[in-house]
PDB file of N, CA and C in Angstrom:
ATOM      1  N   MET A   1       0.988  -1.298   0.297  1.00  0.00           N
ATOM      2  CA  MET A   1      -0.106   0.003  -0.084  1.00  0.00           C
ATOM      3  C   MET A   1       1.388   1.262   0.264  1.00  0.00           C
ATOM      4  N   MET A   2       1.953   1.224   0.810  1.00  0.00           N
ATOM      5  CA  MET A   2       2.602   2.354   0.788  1.00  0.00           C
ATOM      6  C   MET A   2       3.893   2.478  -0.127  1.00  0.00           C
ATOM      7  N   ILE A   3       3.513   1.265  -0.755  1.00  0.00           N
ATOM      8  CA  ILE A   3       4.899   0.944  -2.557  1.00  0.00           C
ATOM      9  C   ILE A   3       4.175   1.880  -3.406  1.00  0.00           C
ATOM     10  N   GLY A   4       2.828   1.748  -3.075  1.00  0.00           N
ATOM     11  CA  GLY A   4       2.151   2.080  -4.306  1.00  0.00           C
ATOM     12  C   GLY A   4       1.568   3.499  -4.385  1.00  0.00           C
ATOM     13  N   SER A   5       1.347   3.871  -3.046  1.00  0.00           N
ATOM     14  CA  SER A   5       0.875   5.506  -2.906  1.00  0.00           C
ATOM     15  C   SER A   5       2.397   6.258  -3.256  1.00  0.00           C
ATOM     16  N   GLY A   6       3.628   5.579  -3.180  1.00  0.00           N
ATOM     17  CA  GLY A   6       5.079   6.132  -3.404  1.00  0.00           C
ATOM     18  C   GLY A   6       4.848   6.390  -4.428  1.00  0.00           C
ATOM     19  N   ILE A   7       4.542   5.403  -5.027  1.00  0.00           N
ATOM     20  CA  ILE A   7       4.618   5.397  -7.085  1.00  0.00           C
ATOM     21  C   ILE A   7       3.913   6.464  -7.700  1.00  0.00           C
ATOM     22  N   SER A   8       2.687   6.155  -6.910  1.00  0.00           N
ATOM     23  CA  SER A   8       1.481   7.541  -7.516  1.00  0.00           C
ATOM     24  C   SER A   8       2.163   8.907  -7.570  1.00  0.00           C
ATOM     25  N   ARG A   9       2.812   9.215  -6.219  1.00  0.00           N
ATOM     26  CA  ARG A   9       2.819  10.608  -5.823  1.00  0.00           C
ATOM     27  C   ARG A   9       4.086  10.944  -7.001  1.00  0.00           C
ATOM     28  N   MET A  10       5.042   9.790  -6.935  1.00  0.00           N
ATOM     29  CA  MET A  10       5.907  10.432  -7.981  1.00  0.00           C
ATOM     30  C   MET A  10       5.635  10.801  -9.264  1.00  0.00           C
ATOM     31  N   PHE A  11       5.090   9.608  -9.837  1.00  0.00           N
ATOM     32  CA  PHE A  11       4.205   9.729 -11.213  1.00  0.00           C
ATOM     33  C   PHE A  11       3.784  11.504 -11.361  1.00  0.00           C
ATOM     34  N   LEU A  12       2.942  11.624  -9.967  1.00  0.00           N
ATOM     35  CA  LEU A  12       2.243  13.159 -10.117  1.00  0.00           C
ATOM     36  C   LEU A  12       3.492  14.294 -10.435  1.00  0.00           C
ATOM     37  N   LEU A  13       4.132  14.185  -9.545  1.00  0.00           N
ATOM     38  CA  LEU A  13       5.477  15.453  -9.276  1.00  0.00           C
ATOM     39  C   LEU A  13       6.071  15.273 -10.899  1.00  0.00           C
ATOM     40  N   LEU A  14       6.198  14.225 -11.458  1.00  0.00           N
ATOM     41  CA  LEU A  14       6.507  13.846 -13.084  1.00  0.00           C
ATOM     42  C   LEU A  14       5.888  14.213 -13.931  1.00  0.00           C
ATOM     43  N   GLY A  15       4.612  14.235 -13.365  1.00  0.00           N
ATOM     44  CA  GLY A  15       3.560  15.093 -14.449  1.00  0.00           C
ATOM     45  C   GLY A  15       3.375  16.773 -14.520  1.00  0.00           C
ATOM     46  N   LEU A  16       3.630  17.050 -12.979  1.00  0.00           N
ATOM     47  CA  LEU A  16       3.365  18.188 -12.675  1.00  0.00           C
ATOM     48  C   LEU A  16       5.050  19.094 -13.260  1.00  0.00           C
ATOM     49  N   TYR A  17       5.704  17.761 -13.032  1.00  0.00           N
ATOM     50  CA  TYR A  17       7.266  18.775 -13.708  1.00  0.00           C
ATOM     51  C   TYR A  17       7.163  18.894 -15.350  1.00  0.00           C
ATOM     52  N   ALA A  18       6.156  18.064 -15.747  1.00  0.00           N
ATOM     53  CA  ALA A  18       6.085  17.938 -17.411  1.00  0.00           C
ATOM     54  C   ALA A  18       5.302  19.051 -17.743  1.00  0.00           C
ATOM     55  N   LEU A  19       4.266  19.404 -17.112  1.00  0.00           N
ATOM     56  CA  LEU A  19       3.099  20.346 -17.818  1.00  0.00           C
ATOM     57  C   LEU A  19       3.683  21.774 -17.177  1.00  0.00           C
ATOM     58  N   ILE A  20       4.236  22.125 -16.236  1.00  0.00           N
ATOM     59  CA  ILE A  20       4.913  23.397 -15.811  1.00  0.00           C
ATOM     60  C   ILE A  20       5.207  23.961 -17.073  1.00  0.00           C
ATOM     61  N   PRO A  21       5.999  23.452 -18.041  1.00  0.00           N
ATOM     62  CA  PRO A  21       6.886  23.923 -19.296  1.00  0.00           C
ATOM     63  C   PRO A  21       6.181  24.389 -20.028  1.00  0.00           C
ATOM     64  N   MET A  22       4.861  23.153 -20.398  1.00  0.00           N
ATOM     65  CA  MET A  22       4.346  22.704 -21.432  1.00  0.00           C
ATOM     66  C   MET A  22       2.527  24.086 -21.454  1.00  0.00           C
ATOM     67  N   VAL A  23       2.938  24.601 -20.045  1.00  0.00           N
ATOM     68  CA  VAL A  23       1.935  25.632 -19.735  1.00  0.00           C
ATOM     69  C   VAL A  23       2.453  27.164 -19.996  1.00  0.00           C
ATOM     70  N   LEU A  24       3.915  26.812 -19.649  1.00  0.00           N
ATOM     71  CA  LEU A  24       4.746  28.422 -20.013  1.00  0.00           C
ATOM     72  C   LEU A  24       5.125  28.534 -21.046  1.00  0.00           C
ATOM     73  N   ILE A  25       4.956  27.322 -22.299  1.00  0.00           N
ATOM     74  CA  ILE A  25       5.045  27.843 -23.582  1.00  0.00           C
ATOM     75  C   ILE A  25       3.667  28.169 -23.995  1.00  0.00           C
ATOM     76  N   ALA A  26       2.738  27.328 -23.875  1.00  0.00           N
ATOM     77  CA  ALA A  26       1.656  27.744 -24.295  1.00  0.00           C
ATOM     78  C   ALA A  26       1.007  29.693 -24.075  1.00  0.00           C
ATOM     79  N   VAL A  27       1.179  29.577 -23.001  1.00  0.00           N
ATOM     80  CA  VAL A  27       1.220  31.350 -22.170  1.00  0.00           C
ATOM     81  C   VAL A  27       2.239  32.283 -23.523  1.00  0.00           C
ATOM     82  N   GLY A  28       3.309  31.742 -23.451  1.00  0.00           N
ATOM     83  CA  GLY A  28       4.424  32.752 -23.984  1.00  0.00           C
ATOM     84  C   GLY A  28       4.174  32.706 -25.598  1.00  0.00           C
ATOM     85  N   LEU A  29       3.412  31.048 -26.287  1.00  0.00           N
ATOM     86  CA  LEU A  29       3.018  31.633 -27.343  1.00  0.00           C
ATOM     87  C   LEU A  29       1.622  32.524 -27.590  1.00  0.00           C
ATOM     88  N   LEU A  30       0.627  32.255 -26.514  1.00  0.00           N
ATOM     89  CA  LEU A  30      -0.446  32.993 -26.504  1.00  0.00           C
ATOM     90  C   LEU A  30      -0.467  34.447 -26.426  1.00  0.00           C
ATOM     91  N   ILE A  31       0.392  34.542 -25.628  1.00  0.00           N
ATOM     92  CA  ILE A  31       0.722  36.536 -25.392  1.00  0.00           C
ATOM     93  C   ILE A  31       1.840  36.905 -26.847  1.00  0.00           C
ATOM     94  N   PHE A  32       2.933  36.087 -27.325  1.00  0.00           N
ATOM     95  CA  PHE A  32       3.728  36.374 -28.751  1.00  0.00           C
ATOM     96  C   PHE A  32       2.543  36.701 -29.830  1.00  0.00           C
ATOM     97  N   PHE A  33       1.515  35.480 -30.266  1.00  0.00           N
ATOM     98  CA  PHE A  33       0.441  35.670 -30.830  1.00  0.00           C
ATOM     99  C   PHE A  33      -0.487  36.698 -30.641  1.00  0.00           C
ATOM    100  N   GLY A  34      -1.150  37.427 -29.404  1.00  0.00           N
ATOM    101  CA  GLY A  34      -2.030  38.135 -29.025  1.00  0.00           C
ATOM    102  C   GLY A  34      -1.426  39.478 -29.289  1.00  0.00           C
ATOM    103  N   GLY A  35      -0.287  39.400 -29.387  1.00  0.00           N
ATOM    104  CA  GLY A  35       0.460  40.801 -29.070  1.00  0.00           C
ATOM    105  C   GLY A  35       1.203  41.547 -30.659  1.00  0.00           C
ATOM    106  N   ARG A  36       1.299  40.424 -31.509  1.00  0.00           N
ATOM    107  CA  ARG A  36       1.397  40.599 -32.987  1.00  0.00           C
ATOM    108  C   ARG A  36      -0.172  40.959 -33.110  1.00  0.00           C
ATOM    109  N   ARG A  37      -1.295  40.298 -32.710  1.00  0.00           N
ATOM    110  CA  ARG A  37      -2.791  40.652 -33.544  1.00  0.00           C
ATOM    111  C   ARG A  37      -3.192  42.109 -32.684  1.00  0.00           C
ATOM    112  N   TYR A  38      -2.722  42.097 -31.736  1.00  0.00           N
ATOM    113  CA  TYR A  38      -2.729  43.537 -31.161  1.00  0.00           C
ATOM    114  C   TYR A  38      -2.308  44.737 -32.064  1.00  0.00           C
ATOM    115  N   VAL A  39      -0.905  44.447 -31.863  1.00  0.00           N
ATOM    116  CA  VAL A  39      -0.104  45.643 -33.010  1.00  0.00           C
ATOM    117  C   VAL A  39      -0.993  45.932 -34.279  1.00  0.00           C
ATOM    118  N   GLU A  40      -0.878  44.510 -35.255  1.00  0.00           N
ATOM    119  CA  GLU A  40      -1.867  44.839 -36.507  1.00  0.00           C
ATOM    120  C   GLU A  40      -3.131  45.397 -36.483  1.00  0.00           C
ATOM    121  N   ARG A  41      -3.318  45.288 -35.651  1.00  0.00           N
ATOM    122  CA  ARG A  41      -5.092  46.162 -35.450  1.00  0.00           C
ATOM    123  C   ARG A  41      -5.004  47.213 -34.605  1.00  0.00           C
ATOM    124  N   LYS A  42      -3.608  47.788 -33.919  1.00  0.00           N
ATOM    125  CA  LYS A  42      -3.202  48.998 -33.997  1.00  0.00           C
ATOM    126  C   LYS A  42      -2.913  50.377 -34.835  1.00  0.00           C
ATOM    127  N   TYR A  43      -2.080  49.293 -35.661  1.00  0.00           N
ATOM    128  CA  TYR A  43      -1.549  50.119 -36.697  1.00  0.00           C
ATOM    129  C   TYR A  43      -1.655  50.126 -38.367  1.00  0.00           C
ATOM    130  N   GLY A  44      -2.663  49.041 -38.062  1.00  0.00           N
ATOM    131  CA  GLY A  44      -3.119  48.708 -39.327  1.00  0.00           C
ATOM    132  C   GLY A  44      -1.782  48.023 -40.550  1.00  0.00           C
ATOM    133  N   LYS A  45      -1.045  47.430 -39.813  1.00  0.00           N
ATOM    134  CA  LYS A  45      -0.054  47.090 -41.376  1.00  0.00           C
ATOM    135  C   LYS A  45       0.588  45.658 -40.259  1.00  0.00           C
ATOM    136  N   LYS A  46       1.372  44.660 -40.575  1.00  0.00           N
ATOM    137  CA  LYS A  46       1.745  43.441 -40.336  1.00  0.00           C
ATOM    138  C   LYS A  46       3.125  44.418 -39.739  1.00  0.00           C
ATOM    139  N   PRO A  47       3.938  44.544 -38.816  1.00  0.00           N
ATOM    140  CA  PRO A  47       5.034  44.716 -38.519  1.00  0.00           C
ATOM    141  C   PRO A  47       6.278  43.875 -38.762  1.00  0.00           C
ATOM    142  N   ARG A  48       7.325  44.177 -39.806  1.00  0.00           N
ATOM    143  CA  ARG A  48       8.542  43.571 -39.355  1.00  0.00           C
ATOM    144  C   ARG A  48       9.005  43.319 -38.510  1.00  0.00           C
TER     145      ARG A  48
END
């Protein structure tokens, strides 16, 4: 019972550590594309 809970806890930690960078990348992409769209709308042309 203890061994099983330890393994599940390890997998939970591994999952969290795998999720954090993916979330950061997703947020970064959203900010990047959202910012570009905002600039295009504001200035009416695509930034070089």
